[in-house]
């Protein structure tokens, strides 16, 4: 392939996700403005392609596990699309 004069720094990474149906959820805990929050990236598998859908932000709830938060997002926004 012809080099167009632009070089990119490409690295390999492993993404750990929670899978529900054809959706994948990447959960992470962060601190923003001194407060603990979570972010969850949502992806959809469509054959060999993984599509990014959206990133959700929410307050950190110590009683809620990552699995429970991903399940809640799935039930609220994506379960109907699977049926």
PDB file of N, CA and C in Angstrom:
ATOM      1  N   UNK A   1       0.848  -1.176   0.000  1.00  0.00           N
ATOM      2  CA  UNK A   1       0.000   0.000   0.000  1.00  0.00           C
ATOM      3  C   UNK A   1       0.892   1.236   0.000  1.00  0.00           C
ATOM      4  N   UNK A   2       0.507   2.238  -0.725  1.00  0.00           N
ATOM      5  CA  UNK A   2       1.286   3.463  -0.856  1.00  0.00           C
ATOM      6  C   UNK A   2       1.227   4.286   0.429  1.00  0.00           C
ATOM      7  N   UNK A   3       2.393   4.788   0.874  1.00  0.00           N
ATOM      8  CA  UNK A   3       2.469   5.650   2.046  1.00  0.00           C
ATOM      9  C   UNK A   3       2.126   7.069   1.609  1.00  0.00           C
ATOM     10  N   UNK A   4       1.112   7.657   2.217  1.00  0.00           N
ATOM     11  CA  UNK A   4       0.656   8.996   1.838  1.00  0.00           C
ATOM     12  C   UNK A   4       1.374  10.092   2.604  1.00  0.00           C
ATOM     13  N   UNK A   5       2.455   9.758   3.311  1.00  0.00           N
ATOM     14  CA  UNK A   5       3.223  10.760   4.031  1.00  0.00           C
ATOM     15  C   UNK A   5       2.756  10.991   5.446  1.00  0.00           C
ATOM     16  N   UNK A   6       1.713  10.298   5.862  1.00  0.00           N
ATOM     17  CA  UNK A   6       1.206  10.443   7.222  1.00  0.00           C
ATOM     18  C   UNK A   6       1.508   9.156   7.977  1.00  0.00           C
ATOM     19  N   UNK A   7       2.187   9.304   9.108  1.00  0.00           N
ATOM     20  CA  UNK A   7       2.475   8.133   9.926  1.00  0.00           C
ATOM     21  C   UNK A   7       1.631   8.188  11.189  1.00  0.00           C
ATOM     22  N   UNK A   8       1.152   7.042  11.608  1.00  0.00           N
ATOM     23  CA  UNK A   8       0.311   6.949  12.788  1.00  0.00           C
ATOM     24  C   UNK A   8       0.993   6.051  13.811  1.00  0.00           C
ATOM     25  N   UNK A   9       0.805   6.364  15.061  1.00  0.00           N
ATOM     26  CA  UNK A   9       1.277   5.512  16.136  1.00  0.00           C
ATOM     27  C   UNK A   9       0.151   4.549  16.470  1.00  0.00           C
ATOM     28  N   UNK A  10       0.255   3.323  16.018  1.00  0.00           N
ATOM     29  CA  UNK A  10      -0.789   2.326  16.207  1.00  0.00           C
ATOM     30  C   UNK A  10      -0.334   1.346  17.275  1.00  0.00           C
ATOM     31  N   UNK A  11      -1.183   1.160  18.282  1.00  0.00           N
ATOM     32  CA  UNK A  11      -0.878   0.212  19.347  1.00  0.00           C
ATOM     33  C   UNK A  11      -2.015  -0.782  19.486  1.00  0.00           C
ATOM     34  N   UNK A  12      -1.700  -1.928  19.997  1.00  0.00           N
ATOM     35  CA  UNK A  12      -2.715  -2.957  20.231  1.00  0.00           C
ATOM     36  C   UNK A  12      -3.152  -2.857  21.686  1.00  0.00           C
ATOM     37  N   UNK A  13      -4.454  -2.958  21.911  1.00  0.00           N
ATOM     38  CA  UNK A  13      -4.958  -2.950  23.283  1.00  0.00           C
ATOM     39  C   UNK A  13      -6.062  -3.986  23.410  1.00  0.00           C
ATOM     40  N   UNK A  14      -6.275  -4.417  24.619  1.00  0.00           N
ATOM     41  CA  UNK A  14      -7.347  -5.366  24.915  1.00  0.00           C
ATOM     42  C   UNK A  14      -8.422  -4.625  25.675  1.00  0.00           C
ATOM     43  N   UNK A  15      -9.631  -4.722  25.204  1.00  0.00           N
ATOM     44  CA  UNK A  15     -10.760  -4.045  25.813  1.00  0.00           C
ATOM     45  C   UNK A  15     -11.582  -5.074  26.582  1.00  0.00           C
ATOM     46  N   UNK A  16     -11.728  -4.860  27.870  1.00  0.00           N
ATOM     47  CA  UNK A  16     -12.528  -5.764  28.695  1.00  0.00           C
ATOM     48  C   UNK A  16     -13.940  -5.209  28.771  1.00  0.00           C
ATOM     49  N   UNK A  17     -14.905  -6.009  28.324  1.00  0.00           N
ATOM     50  CA  UNK A  17     -16.289  -5.547  28.265  1.00  0.00           C
ATOM     51  C   UNK A  17     -17.220  -6.571  28.899  1.00  0.00           C
ATOM     52  N   UNK A  18     -18.424  -6.110  29.212  1.00  0.00           N
ATOM     53  CA  UNK A  18     -19.514  -6.973  29.653  1.00  0.00           C
ATOM     54  C   UNK A  18     -20.449  -7.138  28.464  1.00  0.00           C
ATOM     55  N   UNK A  19     -20.740  -8.376  28.078  1.00  0.00           N
ATOM     56  CA  UNK A  19     -21.597  -8.649  26.922  1.00  0.00           C
ATOM     57  C   UNK A  19     -22.995  -9.017  27.370  1.00  0.00           C
ATOM     58  N   UNK A  20     -23.975  -8.369  26.758  1.00  0.00           N
ATOM     59  CA  UNK A  20     -25.385  -8.721  26.944  1.00  0.00           C
ATOM     60  C   UNK A  20     -25.995  -8.746  25.552  1.00  0.00           C
ATOM     61  N   UNK A  21     -26.458  -9.914  25.126  1.00  0.00           N
ATOM     62  CA  UNK A  21     -26.991 -10.029  23.769  1.00  0.00           C
ATOM     63  C   UNK A  21     -25.922  -9.657  22.768  1.00  0.00           C
ATOM     64  N   UNK A  22     -26.261  -8.801  21.817  1.00  0.00           N
ATOM     65  CA  UNK A  22     -25.286  -8.354  20.817  1.00  0.00           C
ATOM     66  C   UNK A  22     -24.631  -7.037  21.205  1.00  0.00           C
ATOM     67  N   UNK A  23     -24.817  -6.612  22.458  1.00  0.00           N
ATOM     68  CA  UNK A  23     -24.239  -5.364  22.942  1.00  0.00           C
ATOM     69  C   UNK A  23     -23.068  -5.637  23.879  1.00  0.00           C
ATOM     70  N   UNK A  24     -22.093  -4.737  23.872  1.00  0.00           N
ATOM     71  CA  UNK A  24     -20.933  -4.821  24.761  1.00  0.00           C
ATOM     72  C   UNK A  24     -20.828  -3.503  25.521  1.00  0.00           C
ATOM     73  N   UNK A  25     -20.510  -3.600  26.807  1.00  0.00           N
ATOM     74  CA  UNK A  25     -20.451  -2.436  27.695  1.00  0.00           C
ATOM     75  C   UNK A  25     -19.070  -2.348  28.325  1.00  0.00           C
ATOM     76  N   UNK A  26     -18.388  -1.223  28.117  1.00  0.00           N
ATOM     77  CA  UNK A  26     -17.076  -0.973  28.708  1.00  0.00           C
ATOM     78  C   UNK A  26     -17.274  -0.030  29.898  1.00  0.00           C
ATOM     79  N   UNK A  27     -17.168  -0.552  31.113  1.00  0.00           N
ATOM     80  CA  UNK A  27     -17.444   0.177  32.351  1.00  0.00           C
ATOM     81  C   UNK A  27     -16.143   0.682  32.950  1.00  0.00           C
ATOM     82  N   UNK A  28     -16.143   1.931  33.419  1.00  0.00           N
ATOM     83  CA  UNK A  28     -14.974   2.450  34.133  1.00  0.00           C
ATOM     84  C   UNK A  28     -15.410   3.470  35.172  1.00  0.00           C
ATOM     85  N   UNK A  29     -14.653   3.517  36.265  1.00  0.00           N
ATOM     86  CA  UNK A  29     -14.895   4.481  37.336  1.00  0.00           C
ATOM     87  C   UNK A  29     -13.860   5.598  37.217  1.00  0.00           C
ATOM     88  N   UNK A  30     -14.325   6.845  37.350  1.00  0.00           N
ATOM     89  CA  UNK A  30     -13.467   8.021  37.197  1.00  0.00           C
ATOM     90  C   UNK A  30     -13.743   9.016  38.311  1.00  0.00           C
ATOM     91  N   UNK A  31     -12.862   9.998  38.410  1.00  0.00           N
ATOM     92  CA  UNK A  31     -13.111  11.128  39.305  1.00  0.00           C
ATOM     93  C   UNK A  31     -13.184  12.382  38.438  1.00  0.00           C
ATOM     94  N   UNK A  32     -14.248  13.157  38.622  1.00  0.00           N
ATOM     95  CA  UNK A  32     -14.454  14.370  37.837  1.00  0.00           C
ATOM     96  C   UNK A  32     -14.876  15.479  38.783  1.00  0.00           C
ATOM     97  N   UNK A  33     -14.102  16.544  38.834  1.00  0.00           N
ATOM     98  CA  UNK A  33     -14.380  17.677  39.728  1.00  0.00           C
ATOM     99  C   UNK A  33     -14.516  17.220  41.180  1.00  0.00           C
ATOM    100  N   UNK A  34     -13.669  16.285  41.589  1.00  0.00           N
ATOM    101  CA  UNK A  34     -13.682  15.812  42.967  1.00  0.00           C
ATOM    102  C   UNK A  34     -14.784  14.823  43.294  1.00  0.00           C
ATOM    103  N   UNK A  35     -15.606  14.449  42.317  1.00  0.00           N
ATOM    104  CA  UNK A  35     -16.693  13.493  42.555  1.00  0.00           C
ATOM    105  C   UNK A  35     -16.433  12.215  41.781  1.00  0.00           C
ATOM    106  N   UNK A  36     -16.807  11.084  42.364  1.00  0.00           N
ATOM    107  CA  UNK A  36     -16.686   9.804  41.685  1.00  0.00           C
ATOM    108  C   UNK A  36     -17.859   9.634  40.725  1.00  0.00           C
ATOM    109  N   UNK A  37     -17.534   9.254  39.504  1.00  0.00           N
ATOM    110  CA  UNK A  37     -18.557   8.995  38.486  1.00  0.00           C
ATOM    111  C   UNK A  37     -18.203   7.689  37.777  1.00  0.00           C
ATOM    112  N   UNK A  38     -19.133   7.213  36.959  1.00  0.00           N
ATOM    113  CA  UNK A  38     -18.836   6.096  36.071  1.00  0.00           C
ATOM    114  C   UNK A  38     -19.106   6.533  34.643  1.00  0.00           C
ATOM    115  N   UNK A  39     -18.416   5.896  33.735  1.00  0.00           N
ATOM    116  CA  UNK A  39     -18.697   6.030  32.314  1.00  0.00           C
ATOM    117  C   UNK A  39     -18.851   4.626  31.754  1.00  0.00           C
ATOM    118  N   UNK A  40     -19.811   4.464  30.875  1.00  0.00           N
ATOM    119  CA  UNK A  40     -20.036   3.177  30.216  1.00  0.00           C
ATOM    120  C   UNK A  40     -20.139   3.439  28.718  1.00  0.00           C
ATOM    121  N   UNK A  41     -19.190   2.877  27.962  1.00  0.00           N
ATOM    122  CA  UNK A  41     -19.255   2.930  26.500  1.00  0.00           C
ATOM    123  C   UNK A  41     -20.083   1.745  26.031  1.00  0.00           C
ATOM    124  N   UNK A  42     -20.971   1.987  25.078  1.00  0.00           N
ATOM    125  CA  UNK A  42     -21.821   0.921  24.553  1.00  0.00           C
ATOM    126  C   UNK A  42     -21.431   0.662  23.099  1.00  0.00           C
ATOM    127  N   UNK A  43     -21.256  -0.623  22.780  1.00  0.00           N
ATOM    128  CA  UNK A  43     -20.925  -1.070  21.433  1.00  0.00           C
ATOM    129  C   UNK A  43     -21.942  -2.120  21.005  1.00  0.00           C
ATOM    130  N   UNK A  44     -22.144  -2.244  19.697  1.00  0.00           N
ATOM    131  CA  UNK A  44     -23.045  -3.268  19.158  1.00  0.00           C
ATOM    132  C   UNK A  44     -22.276  -4.084  18.140  1.00  0.00           C
ATOM    133  N   UNK A  45     -22.364  -5.397  18.283  1.00  0.00           N
ATOM    134  CA  UNK A  45     -21.736  -6.291  17.318  1.00  0.00           C
ATOM    135  C   UNK A  45     -22.697  -6.513  16.155  1.00  0.00           C
ATOM    136  N   UNK A  46     -22.213  -6.305  14.965  1.00  0.00           N
ATOM    137  CA  UNK A  46     -23.003  -6.518  13.757  1.00  0.00           C
ATOM    138  C   UNK A  46     -22.124  -7.310  12.796  1.00  0.00           C
ATOM    139  N   UNK A  47     -22.223  -8.625  12.890  1.00  0.00           N
ATOM    140  CA  UNK A  47     -21.336  -9.475  12.102  1.00  0.00           C
ATOM    141  C   UNK A  47     -19.907  -9.285  12.593  1.00  0.00           C
ATOM    142  N   UNK A  48     -18.964  -9.096  11.678  1.00  0.00           N
ATOM    143  CA  UNK A  48     -17.568  -8.912  12.103  1.00  0.00           C
ATOM    144  C   UNK A  48     -17.246  -7.478  12.540  1.00  0.00           C
ATOM    145  N   UNK A  49     -18.234  -6.599  12.481  1.00  0.00           N
ATOM    146  CA  UNK A  49     -18.014  -5.184  12.791  1.00  0.00           C
ATOM    147  C   UNK A  49     -18.532  -4.864  14.188  1.00  0.00           C
ATOM    148  N   UNK A  50     -17.749  -4.101  14.947  1.00  0.00           N
ATOM    149  CA  UNK A  50     -18.167  -3.619  16.259  1.00  0.00           C
ATOM    150  C   UNK A  50     -18.432  -2.118  16.111  1.00  0.00           C
ATOM    151  N   UNK A  51     -19.662  -1.710  16.376  1.00  0.00           N
ATOM    152  CA  UNK A  51     -20.060  -0.315  16.215  1.00  0.00           C
ATOM    153  C   UNK A  51     -20.130   0.378  17.568  1.00  0.00           C
ATOM    154  N   UNK A  52     -19.478   1.541  17.677  1.00  0.00           N
ATOM    155  CA  UNK A  52     -19.607   2.364  18.877  1.00  0.00           C
ATOM    156  C   UNK A  52     -20.957   3.048  18.824  1.00  0.00           C
ATOM    157  N   UNK A  53     -21.685   3.028  19.948  1.00  0.00           N
ATOM    158  CA  UNK A  53     -23.002   3.665  19.974  1.00  0.00           C
ATOM    159  C   UNK A  53     -22.967   4.958  20.779  1.00  0.00           C
ATOM    160  N   UNK A  54     -22.596   4.868  22.053  1.00  0.00           N
ATOM    161  CA  UNK A  54     -22.690   6.047  22.913  1.00  0.00           C
ATOM    162  C   UNK A  54     -21.931   5.809  24.209  1.00  0.00           C
ATOM    163  N   UNK A  55     -21.518   6.907  24.863  1.00  0.00           N
ATOM    164  CA  UNK A  55     -20.928   6.843  26.195  1.00  0.00           C
ATOM    165  C   UNK A  55     -21.895   7.489  27.177  1.00  0.00           C
ATOM    166  N   UNK A  56     -22.223   6.757  28.218  1.00  0.00           N
ATOM    167  CA  UNK A  56     -23.108   7.254  29.272  1.00  0.00           C
ATOM    168  C   UNK A  56     -22.286   7.618  30.499  1.00  0.00           C
ATOM    169  N   UNK A  57     -22.636   8.727  31.146  1.00  0.00           N
ATOM    170  CA  UNK A  57     -22.036   9.119  32.419  1.00  0.00           C
ATOM    171  C   UNK A  57     -23.109   9.053  33.490  1.00  0.00           C
ATOM    172  N   UNK A  58     -22.703   8.621  34.681  1.00  0.00           N
ATOM    173  CA  UNK A  58     -23.647   8.524  35.793  1.00  0.00           C
ATOM    174  C   UNK A  58     -22.886   8.685  37.101  1.00  0.00           C
ATOM    175  N   UNK A  59     -23.582   9.095  38.154  1.00  0.00           N
ATOM    176  CA  UNK A  59     -22.933   9.158  39.460  1.00  0.00           C
ATOM    177  C   UNK A  59     -22.508   7.752  39.894  1.00  0.00           C
ATOM    178  N   UNK A  60     -21.425   7.679  40.616  1.00  0.00           N
ATOM    179  CA  UNK A  60     -20.966   6.406  41.158  1.00  0.00           C
ATOM    180  C   UNK A  60     -21.877   6.013  42.317  1.00  0.00           C
ATOM    181  N   UNK A  61     -22.400   4.798  42.274  1.00  0.00           N
ATOM    182  CA  UNK A  61     -23.260   4.269  43.334  1.00  0.00           C
ATOM    183  C   UNK A  61     -22.536   3.073  43.928  1.00  0.00           C
ATOM    184  N   UNK A  62     -21.992   3.206  45.141  1.00  0.00           N
ATOM    185  CA  UNK A  62     -21.192   2.114  45.709  1.00  0.00           C
ATOM    186  C   UNK A  62     -21.932   0.782  45.803  1.00  0.00           C
ATOM    187  N   UNK A  63     -23.241   0.826  45.988  1.00  0.00           N
ATOM    188  CA  UNK A  63     -24.019  -0.417  46.138  1.00  0.00           C
ATOM    189  C   UNK A  63     -24.243  -1.128  44.810  1.00  0.00           C
ATOM    190  N   UNK A  64     -24.020  -0.460  43.693  1.00  0.00           N
ATOM    191  CA  UNK A  64     -24.292  -1.040  42.367  1.00  0.00           C
ATOM    192  C   UNK A  64     -22.994  -1.555  41.748  1.00  0.00           C
ATOM    193  N   UNK A  65     -23.005  -2.815  41.368  1.00  0.00           N
ATOM    194  CA  UNK A  65     -21.830  -3.406  40.731  1.00  0.00           C
ATOM    195  C   UNK A  65     -21.768  -2.983  39.265  1.00  0.00           C
ATOM    196  N   UNK A  66     -20.609  -3.157  38.626  1.00  0.00           N
ATOM    197  CA  UNK A  66     -20.527  -2.861  37.187  1.00  0.00           C
ATOM    198  C   UNK A  66     -21.548  -3.656  36.376  1.00  0.00           C
ATOM    199  N   UNK A  67     -21.749  -4.912  36.729  1.00  0.00           N
ATOM    200  CA  UNK A  67     -22.724  -5.737  36.001  1.00  0.00           C
ATOM    201  C   UNK A  67     -24.127  -5.159  36.149  1.00  0.00           C
ATOM    202  N   UNK A  68     -24.497  -4.752  37.355  1.00  0.00           N
ATOM    203  CA  UNK A  68     -25.829  -4.170  37.574  1.00  0.00           C
ATOM    204  C   UNK A  68     -26.018  -2.881  36.783  1.00  0.00           C
ATOM    205  N   UNK A  69     -24.989  -2.059  36.703  1.00  0.00           N
ATOM    206  CA  UNK A  69     -25.094  -0.803  35.940  1.00  0.00           C
ATOM    207  C   UNK A  69     -25.248  -1.094  34.445  1.00  0.00           C
ATOM    208  N   UNK A  70     -24.507  -2.060  33.930  1.00  0.00           N
ATOM    209  CA  UNK A  70     -24.617  -2.425  32.516  1.00  0.00           C
ATOM    210  C   UNK A  70     -25.982  -3.032  32.211  1.00  0.00           C
ATOM    211  N   UNK A  71     -26.469  -3.874  33.117  1.00  0.00           N
ATOM    212  CA  UNK A  71     -27.803  -4.456  32.934  1.00  0.00           C
ATOM    213  C   UNK A  71     -28.878  -3.376  32.926  1.00  0.00           C
ATOM    214  N   UNK A  72     -28.745  -2.386  33.796  1.00  0.00           N
ATOM    215  CA  UNK A  72     -29.734  -1.300  33.848  1.00  0.00           C
ATOM    216  C   UNK A  72     -29.737  -0.512  32.538  1.00  0.00           C
ATOM    217  N   UNK A  73     -28.564  -0.202  32.005  1.00  0.00           N
ATOM    218  CA  UNK A  73     -28.492   0.496  30.715  1.00  0.00           C
ATOM    219  C   UNK A  73     -29.116  -0.346  29.604  1.00  0.00           C
ATOM    220  N   UNK A  74     -28.801  -1.613  29.593  1.00  0.00           N
ATOM    221  CA  UNK A  74     -29.343  -2.509  28.569  1.00  0.00           C
ATOM    222  C   UNK A  74     -30.863  -2.546  28.633  1.00  0.00           C
ATOM    223  N   UNK A  75     -31.402  -2.722  29.825  1.00  0.00           N
ATOM    224  CA  UNK A  75     -32.863  -2.791  29.982  1.00  0.00           C
ATOM    225  C   UNK A  75     -33.529  -1.486  29.572  1.00  0.00           C
ATOM    226  N   UNK A  76     -32.914  -0.369  29.935  1.00  0.00           N
ATOM    227  CA  UNK A  76     -33.521   0.939  29.680  1.00  0.00           C
ATOM    228  C   UNK A  76     -33.476   1.332  28.204  1.00  0.00           C
ATOM    229  N   UNK A  77     -32.367   1.061  27.512  1.00  0.00           N
ATOM    230  CA  UNK A  77     -32.184   1.622  26.185  1.00  0.00           C
ATOM    231  C   UNK A  77     -32.061   0.616  25.050  1.00  0.00           C
ATOM    232  N   UNK A  78     -31.666  -0.635  25.320  1.00  0.00           N
ATOM    233  CA  UNK A  78     -31.292  -1.518  24.213  1.00  0.00           C
ATOM    234  C   UNK A  78     -32.067  -2.833  24.137  1.00  0.00           C
ATOM    235  N   UNK A  79     -32.716  -3.277  25.175  1.00  0.00           N
ATOM    236  CA  UNK A  79     -33.377  -4.571  25.184  1.00  0.00           C
ATOM    237  C   UNK A  79     -34.432  -4.681  24.078  1.00  0.00           C
ATOM    238  N   UNK A  80     -35.185  -3.620  23.849  1.00  0.00           N
ATOM    239  CA  UNK A  80     -36.239  -3.645  22.826  1.00  0.00           C
ATOM    240  C   UNK A  80     -35.644  -3.838  21.436  1.00  0.00           C
ATOM    241  N   UNK A  81     -34.433  -3.347  21.195  1.00  0.00           N
ATOM    242  CA  UNK A  81     -33.813  -3.476  19.875  1.00  0.00           C
ATOM    243  C   UNK A  81     -33.399  -4.911  19.595  1.00  0.00           C
ATOM    244  N   UNK A  82     -33.194  -5.714  20.639  1.00  0.00           N
ATOM    245  CA  UNK A  82     -32.794  -7.104  20.474  1.00  0.00           C
ATOM    246  C   UNK A  82     -34.000  -7.978  20.154  1.00  0.00           C
ATOM    247  N   UNK A  83     -35.184  -7.574  20.587  1.00  0.00           N
ATOM    248  CA  UNK A  83     -36.381  -8.419  20.445  1.00  0.00           C
ATOM    249  C   UNK A  83     -37.030  -8.279  19.090  1.00  0.00           C
TER     250      UNK A  83
END
